[in-house]
Amino acid sequence: AVSTPITSVLPNLTLNSDDRQVANSIRLVLGNVGNFFAVTFILPFANFLGGSNHQKGWSLAVGVYAIVAFVFLIIAFFDMREKNIENDKIITIKESFRAARGNWPWILIVLANLIYWTAYMTRSSTLAYYFQYNMHNENYISLFNGF
């Protein structure tokens, strides 16, 4: 949900394709770095905030993550300056779906992304349960997410 508008605005930031490529590369790298820190340190952070009360710890940790994300998104929203704005023809949603219907490479990419992200989120969602109940050590979650 966050990547789509960020990616779609790149052509409006500059006419220079090299600058767009650098901006997209930075976005991808820093997005992965942010994801690494978020998933690697959520459990220790939740344990730190909640102590023996895991429910309170998770709620507080996710709340802190949400506040930090909200602040960064608001900064990005208000700091965004589009420079390469052209008056292009507006395409309706109906026209977009009609164009996509016959575009098999696009359909395959969308399906592949849907399958990938569903599998990734399923894996991420089950890690806590797997390491807690099968491996009997919650500390492995952060280690596994880090790798």
Protein backbone atom coordinates (compact mmCIF):
# COMPACT_ATOMS: atom_id res chain seq x y z
CA ALA A 1 0.00 0.00 0.00
CA VAL A 2 2.89 2.36 0.68
CA SER A 3 5.12 1.24 -2.21
CA THR A 4 2.59 1.90 -4.96
CA PRO A 5 2.30 5.69 -4.55
CA ILE A 6 5.99 6.06 -3.84
CA THR A 7 6.90 4.12 -6.97
CA SER A 8 4.30 5.81 -9.16
CA VAL A 9 5.47 9.31 -8.22
CA LEU A 10 9.09 8.68 -9.29
CA PRO A 11 8.57 9.76 -12.93
CA ASN A 12 7.19 13.08 -11.69
CA LEU A 13 10.20 13.86 -9.54
CA THR A 14 12.71 14.30 -12.34
CA LEU A 15 13.10 13.92 -16.11
CA ASN A 16 16.50 12.30 -15.67
CA SER A 17 16.17 8.49 -15.81
CA ASP A 18 19.44 8.02 -13.90
CA ASP A 19 18.09 10.11 -11.01
CA ARG A 20 14.88 8.07 -11.02
CA GLN A 21 16.87 4.84 -10.96
CA VAL A 22 18.99 6.06 -8.03
CA ALA A 23 15.88 7.20 -6.12
CA ASN A 24 14.18 3.84 -6.71
CA SER A 25 17.31 1.94 -5.65
CA ILE A 26 17.56 3.98 -2.45
CA ARG A 27 13.86 3.35 -1.79
CA LEU A 28 14.30 -0.40 -2.22
CA VAL A 29 17.45 -0.65 -0.11
CA LEU A 30 16.19 1.52 2.74
CA GLY A 31 12.81 -0.25 2.64
CA ASN A 32 14.57 -3.57 3.14
CA VAL A 33 16.77 -2.12 5.89
CA GLY A 34 13.67 -0.77 7.64
CA ASN A 35 11.92 -4.11 7.29
CA PHE A 36 14.99 -5.89 8.68
CA PHE A 37 15.01 -3.72 11.80
CA ALA A 38 11.24 -3.89 12.22
CA VAL A 39 10.98 -7.68 12.12
CA THR A 40 14.29 -8.43 13.85
CA PHE A 41 13.78 -6.23 16.88
CA ILE A 42 10.00 -6.32 17.42
CA LEU A 43 10.10 -9.20 19.90
CA PRO A 44 12.94 -7.86 22.08
CA PHE A 45 11.32 -4.41 21.95
CA ALA A 46 7.92 -5.86 22.94
CA ASN A 47 9.51 -7.81 25.79
CA PHE A 48 11.33 -4.67 26.93
CA LEU A 49 8.16 -2.56 26.91
CA GLY A 50 5.83 -5.16 28.40
CA GLY A 51 8.06 -7.11 30.73
CA SER A 52 6.17 -10.23 31.71
CA ASN A 53 2.93 -8.94 30.16
CA HIS A 54 3.36 -10.03 26.52
CA GLN A 55 0.03 -8.62 25.37
CA LYS A 56 0.88 -5.17 26.73
CA GLY A 57 4.37 -5.38 25.22
CA TRP A 58 3.10 -6.25 21.75
CA SER A 59 0.47 -3.51 21.90
CA LEU A 60 3.01 -0.90 22.98
CA ALA A 61 5.65 -2.01 20.47
CA VAL A 62 3.22 -2.02 17.55
CA GLY A 63 1.89 1.34 18.75
CA VAL A 64 5.40 2.81 18.72
CA TYR A 65 6.02 1.35 15.24
CA ALA A 66 2.71 2.83 14.03
CA ILE A 67 3.51 6.28 15.42
CA VAL A 68 6.99 6.29 13.88
CA ALA A 69 5.60 5.14 10.51
CA PHE A 70 2.85 7.76 10.66
CA VAL A 71 5.35 10.54 11.37
CA PHE A 72 7.60 9.46 8.49
CA LEU A 73 4.66 9.19 6.09
CA ILE A 74 3.39 12.65 7.05
CA ILE A 75 6.88 14.11 6.56
CA ALA A 76 7.11 12.41 3.16
CA PHE A 77 3.63 13.64 2.21
CA PHE A 78 4.28 17.28 3.06
CA ASP A 79 7.85 17.26 1.69
CA MET A 80 6.94 15.77 -1.71
CA ARG A 81 7.55 18.17 -4.59
CA GLU A 82 6.66 16.97 -8.06
CA LYS A 83 8.74 18.76 -10.69
CA ASN A 84 7.97 16.90 -13.90
CA ILE A 85 4.23 17.40 -14.10
CA GLU A 86 2.79 16.97 -17.56
CA ASN A 87 -0.80 17.23 -18.69
CA ASP A 88 -1.35 13.64 -19.72
CA LYS A 89 -4.65 12.15 -20.75
CA ILE A 90 -6.59 10.88 -17.74
CA ILE A 91 -7.37 7.17 -18.00
CA THR A 92 -10.44 5.87 -16.22
CA ILE A 93 -10.44 2.75 -14.05
CA LYS A 94 -12.64 1.01 -16.62
CA GLU A 95 -10.09 1.72 -19.37
CA SER A 96 -7.28 0.51 -17.13
CA PHE A 97 -9.01 -2.83 -16.51
CA ARG A 98 -9.78 -3.19 -20.21
CA ALA A 99 -6.10 -2.64 -21.06
CA ALA A 100 -4.92 -5.03 -18.34
CA ARG A 101 -7.26 -7.81 -19.45
CA GLY A 102 -5.21 -8.56 -22.56
CA ASN A 103 -1.81 -7.92 -21.00
CA TRP A 104 -0.65 -11.43 -20.02
CA PRO A 105 2.83 -10.45 -18.79
CA TRP A 106 1.25 -7.91 -16.43
CA ILE A 107 -1.29 -10.47 -15.20
CA LEU A 108 1.49 -13.00 -14.54
CA ILE A 109 3.53 -10.43 -12.61
CA VAL A 110 0.50 -9.47 -10.52
CA LEU A 111 -0.25 -13.13 -9.77
CA ALA A 112 3.38 -13.86 -8.93
CA ASN A 113 3.49 -10.88 -6.57
CA LEU A 114 0.22 -11.90 -4.97
CA ILE A 115 1.48 -15.45 -4.38
CA TYR A 116 4.87 -14.22 -3.12
CA TRP A 117 3.47 -11.67 -0.67
CA THR A 118 0.80 -14.07 0.58
CA ALA A 119 3.49 -16.69 1.27
CA TYR A 120 5.80 -14.10 2.85
CA MET A 121 3.11 -12.75 5.16
CA THR A 122 2.01 -16.28 6.08
CA ARG A 123 5.59 -17.19 6.98
CA SER A 124 6.08 -14.00 8.95
CA SER A 125 2.78 -14.45 10.78
CA THR A 126 3.51 -18.02 11.82
CA LEU A 127 7.12 -17.54 12.95
CA ALA A 128 6.18 -16.49 16.46
CA TYR A 129 4.00 -19.55 16.97
CA TYR A 130 6.49 -21.95 15.40
CA PHE A 131 9.45 -20.85 17.51
CA GLN A 132 7.40 -20.49 20.68
CA TYR A 133 5.57 -23.83 20.55
CA ASN A 134 7.78 -26.07 18.38
CA MET A 135 11.28 -24.80 19.13
CA HIS A 136 10.39 -23.65 22.67
CA ASN A 137 12.56 -20.55 22.34
CA GLU A 138 11.07 -17.18 21.33
CA ASN A 139 14.54 -15.66 20.98
CA TYR A 140 15.01 -17.57 17.73
CA ILE A 141 12.35 -15.39 16.08
CA SER A 142 14.56 -12.33 15.98
CA LEU A 143 17.57 -14.37 14.91
CA PHE A 144 15.62 -16.06 12.10
CA ASN A 145 14.09 -12.77 10.94
CA GLY A 146 17.52 -11.18 10.94
CA PHE A 147 18.84 -13.76 8.54
